[in-house]
PDB file of N, CA and C in Angstrom:
ATOM      1  N   MET A   1     121.688 136.861 -28.892  1.00  0.00           N
ATOM      2  CA  MET A   1     120.605 136.035 -28.384  1.00  0.00           C
ATOM      3  C   MET A   1     120.787 135.794 -26.887  1.00  0.00           C
ATOM      4  N   LYS A   2     122.017 135.560 -26.476  1.00  0.00           N
ATOM      5  CA  LYS A   2     122.277 135.283 -25.078  1.00  0.00           C
ATOM      6  C   LYS A   2     121.976 136.508 -24.218  1.00  0.00           C
ATOM      7  N   ILE A   3     122.231 137.701 -24.763  1.00  0.00           N
ATOM      8  CA  ILE A   3     121.959 138.937 -24.022  1.00  0.00           C
ATOM      9  C   ILE A   3     120.455 139.104 -23.833  1.00  0.00           C
ATOM     10  N   ASN A   4     119.672 138.810 -24.861  1.00  0.00           N
ATOM     11  CA  ASN A   4     118.220 138.925 -24.760  1.00  0.00           C
ATOM     12  C   ASN A   4     117.661 137.974 -23.704  1.00  0.00           C
ATOM     13  N   LYS A   5     118.206 136.757 -23.665  1.00  0.00           N
ATOM     14  CA  LYS A   5     117.742 135.772 -22.693  1.00  0.00           C
ATOM     15  C   LYS A   5     118.096 136.215 -21.272  1.00  0.00           C
ATOM     16  N   THR A   6     119.311 136.702 -21.090  1.00  0.00           N
ATOM     17  CA  THR A   6     119.746 137.163 -19.770  1.00  0.00           C
ATOM     18  C   THR A   6     118.923 138.365 -19.331  1.00  0.00           C
ATOM     19  N   LEU A   7     118.684 139.291 -20.238  1.00  0.00           N
ATOM     20  CA  LEU A   7     117.888 140.467 -19.922  1.00  0.00           C
ATOM     21  C   LEU A   7     116.452 140.077 -19.567  1.00  0.00           C
ATOM     22  N   GLY A   8     115.899 139.161 -20.320  1.00  0.00           N
ATOM     23  CA  GLY A   8     114.533 138.701 -20.047  1.00  0.00           C
ATOM     24  C   GLY A   8     114.413 138.020 -18.693  1.00  0.00           C
ATOM     25  N   LEU A   9     115.391 137.180 -18.359  1.00  0.00           N
ATOM     26  CA  LEU A   9     115.358 136.509 -17.064  1.00  0.00           C
ATOM     27  C   LEU A   9     115.527 137.501 -15.923  1.00  0.00           C
ATOM     28  N   SER A  10     116.364 138.501 -16.132  1.00  0.00           N
ATOM     29  CA  SER A  10     116.568 139.522 -15.100  1.00  0.00           C
ATOM     30  C   SER A  10     115.291 140.326 -14.870  1.00  0.00           C
ATOM     31  N   VAL A  11     114.651 140.725 -15.946  1.00  0.00           N
ATOM     32  CA  VAL A  11     113.400 141.489 -15.828  1.00  0.00           C
ATOM     33  C   VAL A  11     112.323 140.641 -15.166  1.00  0.00           C
ATOM     34  N   ALA A  12     112.243 139.360 -15.534  1.00  0.00           N
ATOM     35  CA  ALA A  12     111.239 138.474 -14.937  1.00  0.00           C
ATOM     36  C   ALA A  12     111.502 138.296 -13.443  1.00  0.00           C
ATOM     37  N   ALA A  13     112.765 138.093 -13.066  1.00  0.00           N
ATOM     38  CA  ALA A  13     113.097 137.925 -11.646  1.00  0.00           C
ATOM     39  C   ALA A  13     112.757 139.184 -10.855  1.00  0.00           C
ATOM     40  N   PHE A  14     113.106 140.332 -11.402  1.00  0.00           N
ATOM     41  CA  PHE A  14     112.783 141.594 -10.728  1.00  0.00           C
ATOM     42  C   PHE A  14     111.269 141.766 -10.602  1.00  0.00           C
ATOM     43  N   GLY A  15     110.546 141.411 -11.641  1.00  0.00           N
ATOM     44  CA  GLY A  15     109.087 141.518 -11.612  1.00  0.00           C
ATOM     45  C   GLY A  15     108.467 140.619 -10.554  1.00  0.00           C
ATOM     46  N   PHE A  16     108.973 139.387 -10.452  1.00  0.00           N
ATOM     47  CA  PHE A  16     108.441 138.471  -9.443  1.00  0.00           C
ATOM     48  C   PHE A  16     108.764 138.944  -8.031  1.00  0.00           C
ATOM     49  N   LEU A  17     109.960 139.478  -7.840  1.00  0.00           N
ATOM     50  CA  LEU A  17     110.311 140.010  -6.522  1.00  0.00           C
ATOM     51  C   LEU A  17     109.424 141.203  -6.159  1.00  0.00           C
ATOM     52  N   ALA A  18     109.204 142.090  -7.120  1.00  0.00           N
ATOM     53  CA  ALA A  18     108.346 143.241  -6.869  1.00  0.00           C
ATOM     54  C   ALA A  18     106.913 142.797  -6.589  1.00  0.00           C
ATOM     55  N   LEU A  19     106.432 141.820  -7.347  1.00  0.00           N
ATOM     56  CA  LEU A  19     105.079 141.311  -7.132  1.00  0.00           C
ATOM     57  C   LEU A  19     104.948 140.709  -5.740  1.00  0.00           C
ATOM     58  N   GLY A  20     105.952 139.955  -5.312  1.00  0.00           N
ATOM     59  CA  GLY A  20     105.920 139.377  -3.975  1.00  0.00           C
ATOM     60  C   GLY A  20     105.970 140.441  -2.891  1.00  0.00           C
ATOM     61  N   TYR A  21     106.817 141.439  -3.073  1.00  0.00           N
ATOM     62  CA  TYR A  21     106.942 142.505  -2.074  1.00  0.00           C
ATOM     63  C   TYR A  21     105.637 143.278  -1.919  1.00  0.00           C
ATOM     64  N   PHE A  22     105.101 143.727  -3.040  1.00  0.00           N
ATOM     65  CA  PHE A  22     103.868 144.504  -2.972  1.00  0.00           C
ATOM     66  C   PHE A  22     102.666 143.628  -2.615  1.00  0.00           C
ATOM     67  N   GLY A  23     102.721 142.360  -2.977  1.00  0.00           N
ATOM     68  CA  GLY A  23     101.645 141.448  -2.584  1.00  0.00           C
ATOM     69  C   GLY A  23     101.583 141.270  -1.084  1.00  0.00           C
ATOM     70  N   VAL A  24     102.754 141.164  -0.447  1.00  0.00           N
ATOM     71  CA  VAL A  24     102.791 141.043   1.008  1.00  0.00           C
ATOM     72  C   VAL A  24     102.262 142.320   1.652  1.00  0.00           C
ATOM     73  N   GLN A  25     102.596 143.463   1.074  1.00  0.00           N
ATOM     74  CA  GLN A  25     102.109 144.729   1.629  1.00  0.00           C
ATOM     75  C   GLN A  25     100.590 144.822   1.530  1.00  0.00           C
ATOM     76  N   TYR A  26     100.039 144.309   0.448  1.00  0.00           N
ATOM     77  CA  TYR A  26      98.602 144.449   0.212  1.00  0.00           C
ATOM     78  C   TYR A  26      97.804 143.324   0.879  1.00  0.00           C
ATOM     79  N   PHE A  27      98.227 142.067   0.664  1.00  0.00           N
ATOM     80  CA  PHE A  27      97.462 140.912   1.144  1.00  0.00           C
ATOM     81  C   PHE A  27      97.886 140.441   2.534  1.00  0.00           C
ATOM     82  N   GLY A  28      99.122 140.667   2.908  1.00  0.00           N
ATOM     83  CA  GLY A  28      99.624 140.160   4.178  1.00  0.00           C
ATOM     84  C   GLY A  28     100.472 138.919   3.958  1.00  0.00           C
ATOM     85  N   LYS A  29     101.308 138.638   4.944  1.00  0.00           N
ATOM     86  CA  LYS A  29     102.275 137.541   4.823  1.00  0.00           C
ATOM     87  C   LYS A  29     101.593 136.179   4.672  1.00  0.00           C
ATOM     88  N   ASN A  30     100.606 135.900   5.526  1.00  0.00           N
ATOM     89  CA  ASN A  30      99.983 134.578   5.514  1.00  0.00           C
ATOM     90  C   ASN A  30      99.231 134.309   4.214  1.00  0.00           C
ATOM     91  N   ASN A  31      98.541 135.319   3.686  1.00  0.00           N
ATOM     92  CA  ASN A  31      97.821 135.136   2.421  1.00  0.00           C
ATOM     93  C   ASN A  31      98.789 134.901   1.267  1.00  0.00           C
ATOM     94  N   MET A  32      99.915 135.616   1.261  1.00  0.00           N
ATOM     95  CA  MET A  32     100.891 135.421   0.186  1.00  0.00           C
ATOM     96  C   MET A  32     101.535 134.037   0.271  1.00  0.00           C
ATOM     97  N   LEU A  33     101.789 133.560   1.487  1.00  0.00           N
ATOM     98  CA  LEU A  33     102.327 132.202   1.633  1.00  0.00           C
ATOM     99  C   LEU A  33     101.322 131.162   1.157  1.00  0.00           C
ATOM    100  N   THR A  34     100.050 131.404   1.421  1.00  0.00           N
ATOM    101  CA  THR A  34      99.003 130.487   0.951  1.00  0.00           C
ATOM    102  C   THR A  34      98.928 130.486  -0.570  1.00  0.00           C
ATOM    103  N   ILE A  35      99.003 131.676  -1.168  1.00  0.00           N
ATOM    104  CA  ILE A  35      98.966 131.777  -2.629  1.00  0.00           C
ATOM    105  C   ILE A  35     100.184 131.079  -3.236  1.00  0.00           C
ATOM    106  N   ALA A  36     101.369 131.296  -2.651  1.00  0.00           N
ATOM    107  CA  ALA A  36     102.589 130.662  -3.157  1.00  0.00           C
ATOM    108  C   ALA A  36     102.506 129.142  -3.052  1.00  0.00           C
ATOM    109  N   ALA A  37     101.973 128.643  -1.946  1.00  0.00           N
ATOM    110  CA  ALA A  37     101.832 127.193  -1.776  1.00  0.00           C
ATOM    111  C   ALA A  37     100.843 126.618  -2.789  1.00  0.00           C
ATOM    112  N   ALA A  38      99.760 127.347  -3.046  1.00  0.00           N
ATOM    113  CA  ALA A  38      98.766 126.864  -4.010  1.00  0.00           C
ATOM    114  C   ALA A  38      99.347 126.819  -5.418  1.00  0.00           C
ATOM    115  N   VAL A  39     100.080 127.860  -5.793  1.00  0.00           N
ATOM    116  CA  VAL A  39     100.680 127.885  -7.133  1.00  0.00           C
ATOM    117  C   VAL A  39     101.749 126.794  -7.258  1.00  0.00           C
ATOM    118  N   GLY A  40     102.571 126.654  -6.232  1.00  0.00           N
ATOM    119  CA  GLY A  40     103.599 125.603  -6.260  1.00  0.00           C
ATOM    120  C   GLY A  40     102.993 124.217  -6.289  1.00  0.00           C
ATOM    121  N   GLY A  41     101.933 124.001  -5.509  1.00  0.00           N
ATOM    122  CA  GLY A  41     101.258 122.703  -5.517  1.00  0.00           C
ATOM    123  C   GLY A  41     100.610 122.404  -6.852  1.00  0.00           C
ATOM    124  N   GLY A  42      99.996 123.421  -7.437  1.00  0.00           N
ATOM    125  CA  GLY A  42      99.400 123.229  -8.768  1.00  0.00           C
ATOM    126  C   GLY A  42     100.442 122.888  -9.810  1.00  0.00           C
ATOM    127  N   GLY A  43     101.586 123.540  -9.736  1.00  0.00           N
ATOM    128  CA  GLY A  43     102.670 123.220 -10.667  1.00  0.00           C
ATOM    129  C   GLY A  43     103.197 121.815 -10.468  1.00  0.00           C
ATOM    130  N   ALA A  44     103.334 121.398  -9.208  1.00  0.00           N
ATOM    131  CA  ALA A  44     103.822 120.040  -8.927  1.00  0.00           C
ATOM    132  C   ALA A  44     102.827 118.991  -9.410  1.00  0.00           C
ATOM    133  N   ILE A  45     101.553 119.238  -9.191  1.00  0.00           N
ATOM    134  CA  ILE A  45     100.529 118.284  -9.633  1.00  0.00           C
ATOM    135  C   ILE A  45     100.497 118.191 -11.151  1.00  0.00           C
ATOM    136  N   SER A  46     100.578 119.325 -11.836  1.00  0.00           N
ATOM    137  CA  SER A  46     100.553 119.281 -13.302  1.00  0.00           C
ATOM    138  C   SER A  46     101.805 118.599 -13.851  1.00  0.00           C
ATOM    139  N   TYR A  47     102.935 118.738 -13.154  1.00  0.00           N
ATOM    140  CA  TYR A  47     104.158 118.059 -13.593  1.00  0.00           C
ATOM    141  C   TYR A  47     104.011 116.550 -13.448  1.00  0.00           C
ATOM    142  N   VAL A  48     103.433 116.108 -12.345  1.00  0.00           N
ATOM    143  CA  VAL A  48     103.289 114.671 -12.100  1.00  0.00           C
ATOM    144  C   VAL A  48     102.265 114.056 -13.047  1.00  0.00           C
ATOM    145  N   LEU A  49     101.206 114.796 -13.357  1.00  0.00           N
ATOM    146  CA  LEU A  49     100.127 114.239 -14.177  1.00  0.00           C
ATOM    147  C   LEU A  49     100.356 114.332 -15.675  1.00  0.00           C
ATOM    148  N   GLN A  50     101.462 114.927 -16.091  1.00  0.00           N
ATOM    149  CA  GLN A  50     101.723 115.024 -17.529  1.00  0.00           C
ATOM    150  C   GLN A  50     101.930 113.645 -18.107  1.00  0.00           C
ATOM    151  N   LYS A  51     101.354 113.433 -19.270  1.00  0.00           N
ATOM    152  CA  LYS A  51     101.567 112.169 -19.957  1.00  0.00           C
ATOM    153  C   LYS A  51     102.934 112.211 -20.629  1.00  0.00           C
ATOM    154  N   PRO A  52     103.704 111.147 -20.520  1.00  0.00           N
ATOM    155  CA  PRO A  52     104.996 111.163 -21.209  1.00  0.00           C
ATOM    156  C   PRO A  52     104.782 111.169 -22.714  1.00  0.00           C
ATOM    157  N   SER A  53     105.663 111.825 -23.411  1.00  0.00           N
ATOM    158  CA  SER A  53     105.523 111.890 -24.863  1.00  0.00           C
ATOM    159  C   SER A  53     105.728 110.499 -25.457  1.00  0.00           C
ATOM    160  N   GLN A  54     104.917 110.197 -26.429  1.00  0.00           N
ATOM    161  CA  GLN A  54     104.988 108.882 -27.059  1.00  0.00           C
ATOM    162  C   GLN A  54     106.238 108.789 -27.924  1.00  0.00           C
ATOM    163  N   PRO A  55     106.953 107.672 -27.829  1.00  0.00           N
ATOM    164  CA  PRO A  55     108.121 107.530 -28.707  1.00  0.00           C
ATOM    165  C   PRO A  55     107.675 107.449 -30.158  1.00  0.00           C
ATOM    166  N   GLN A  56     108.533 107.919 -31.027  1.00  0.00           N
ATOM    167  CA  GLN A  56     108.184 107.928 -32.439  1.00  0.00           C
ATOM    168  C   GLN A  56     108.130 106.491 -32.951  1.00  0.00           C
ATOM    169  N   VAL A  57     107.023 106.150 -33.598  1.00  0.00           N
ATOM    170  CA  VAL A  57     106.828 104.798 -34.099  1.00  0.00           C
ATOM    171  C   VAL A  57     107.693 104.612 -35.338  1.00  0.00           C
ATOM    172  N   PRO A  58     108.503 103.549 -35.349  1.00  0.00           N
ATOM    173  CA  PRO A  58     109.329 103.337 -36.544  1.00  0.00           C
ATOM    174  C   PRO A  58     108.463 102.993 -37.746  1.00  0.00           C
ATOM    175  N   ASN A  59     108.956 103.313 -38.903  1.00  0.00           N
ATOM    176  CA  ASN A  59     108.231 103.053 -40.141  1.00  0.00           C
ATOM    177  C   ASN A  59     108.068 101.544 -40.316  1.00  0.00           C
ATOM    178  N   SER A  60     106.836 101.091 -40.549  1.00  0.00           N
ATOM    179  CA  SER A  60     106.579  99.655 -40.656  1.00  0.00           C
ATOM    180  C   SER A  60     107.064  99.085 -41.984  1.00  0.00           C
ATOM    181  N   GLU A  61     107.247  99.926 -42.993  1.00  0.00           N
ATOM    182  CA  GLU A  61     107.727  99.434 -44.284  1.00  0.00           C
ATOM    183  C   GLU A  61     109.254  99.433 -44.286  1.00  0.00           C
ATOM    184  N   PRO A  62     109.837  98.275 -44.585  1.00  0.00           N
ATOM    185  CA  PRO A  62     111.302  98.247 -44.628  1.00  0.00           C
ATOM    186  C   PRO A  62     111.807  99.046 -45.832  1.00  0.00           C
ATOM    187  N   GLU A  63     112.971  99.609 -45.663  1.00  0.00           N
ATOM    188  CA  GLU A  63     113.538 100.369 -46.769  1.00  0.00           C
ATOM    189  C   GLU A  63     113.975  99.418 -47.884  1.00  0.00           C
ATOM    190  N   ALA A  64     113.832  99.879 -49.108  1.00  0.00           N
ATOM    191  CA  ALA A  64     114.244  99.058 -50.246  1.00  0.00           C
ATOM    192  C   ALA A  64     115.765  98.924 -50.224  1.00  0.00           C
ATOM    193  N   PRO A  65     116.243  97.693 -50.361  1.00  0.00           N
ATOM    194  CA  PRO A  65     117.706  97.525 -50.341  1.00  0.00           C
ATOM    195  C   PRO A  65     118.325  98.176 -51.580  1.00  0.00           C
ATOM    196  N   THR A  66     119.421  98.797 -51.381  1.00  0.00           N
ATOM    197  CA  THR A  66     120.109  99.429 -52.499  1.00  0.00           C
ATOM    198  C   THR A  66     121.126  98.458 -53.064  1.00  0.00           C
ATOM    199  N   ALA A  67     121.314  98.544 -54.347  1.00  0.00           N
ATOM    200  CA  ALA A  67     122.275  97.662 -55.011  1.00  0.00           C
ATOM    201  C   ALA A  67     123.685  98.069 -54.597  1.00  0.00           C
ATOM    202  N   PRO A  68     124.531  97.088 -54.355  1.00  0.00           N
ATOM    203  CA  PRO A  68     125.897  97.430 -53.962  1.00  0.00           C
ATOM    204  C   PRO A  68     126.621  98.135 -55.109  1.00  0.00           C
ATOM    205  N   ILE A  69     127.436  99.070 -54.759  1.00  0.00           N
ATOM    206  CA  ILE A  69     128.198  99.802 -55.759  1.00  0.00           C
ATOM    207  C   ILE A  69     129.498  99.048 -56.000  1.00  0.00           C
ATOM    208  N   LYS A  70     129.712  98.715 -57.246  1.00  0.00           N
ATOM    209  CA  LYS A  70     130.926  97.967 -57.590  1.00  0.00           C
ATOM    210  C   LYS A  70     131.966  98.952 -58.089  1.00  0.00           C
ATOM    211  N   ALA A  71     133.109  98.841 -57.517  1.00  0.00           N
ATOM    212  CA  ALA A  71     134.203  99.700 -57.966  1.00  0.00           C
ATOM    213  C   ALA A  71     134.821  99.090 -59.217  1.00  0.00           C
ATOM    214  N   GLN A  72     135.057  99.909 -60.194  1.00  0.00           N
ATOM    215  CA  GLN A  72     135.680  99.415 -61.421  1.00  0.00           C
ATOM    216  C   GLN A  72     137.147  99.765 -61.397  1.00  0.00           C
ATOM    217  N   ARG A  73     137.942  98.784 -61.778  1.00  0.00           N
ATOM    218  CA  ARG A  73     139.381  99.024 -61.824  1.00  0.00           C
ATOM    219  C   ARG A  73     139.743  99.505 -63.204  1.00  0.00           C
ATOM    220  N   LYS A  74     140.638 100.442 -63.197  1.00  0.00           N
ATOM    221  CA  LYS A  74     141.163 100.891 -64.471  1.00  0.00           C
ATOM    222  C   LYS A  74     142.481 100.171 -64.690  1.00  0.00           C
ATOM    223  N   GLY A  75     142.503  99.391 -65.713  1.00  0.00           N
ATOM    224  CA  GLY A  75     143.728  98.668 -66.009  1.00  0.00           C
ATOM    225  C   GLY A  75     144.767  99.552 -66.651  1.00  0.00           C
ATOM    226  N   LYS A  76     146.018  99.095 -66.558  1.00  0.00           N
ATOM    227  CA  LYS A  76     147.102  99.867 -67.185  1.00  0.00           C
ATOM    228  C   LYS A  76     147.063  99.625 -68.684  1.00  0.00           C
ATOM    229  N   LYS A  77     147.148 100.680 -69.387  1.00  0.00           N
ATOM    230  CA  LYS A  77     147.208 100.552 -70.840  1.00  0.00           C
ATOM    231  C   LYS A  77     148.639 100.733 -71.265  1.00  0.00           C
ATOM    232  N   SER A  78     149.119  99.802 -72.076  1.00  0.00           N
ATOM    233  CA  SER A  78     150.508  99.916 -72.519  1.00  0.00           C
ATOM    234  C   SER A  78     150.619 100.368 -73.933  1.00  0.00           C
TER     235      SER A  78
END
């Protein structure tokens, strides 16, 4: 599993680097910086605007008390 994750991250990193390199060749440096800033800003805004997950509401019904377990002694038989 760890190898698959490492391989996936490596392929993704290489893909992003290639996309950036060829994007600069096609669009130009300033346009790629603008696109990167827009994507980064959108990610930052979506992170800030996320609603925090609601804590799990405890069960309103109390659990039924269980009867205490009494230990029985075994007496010595003579």
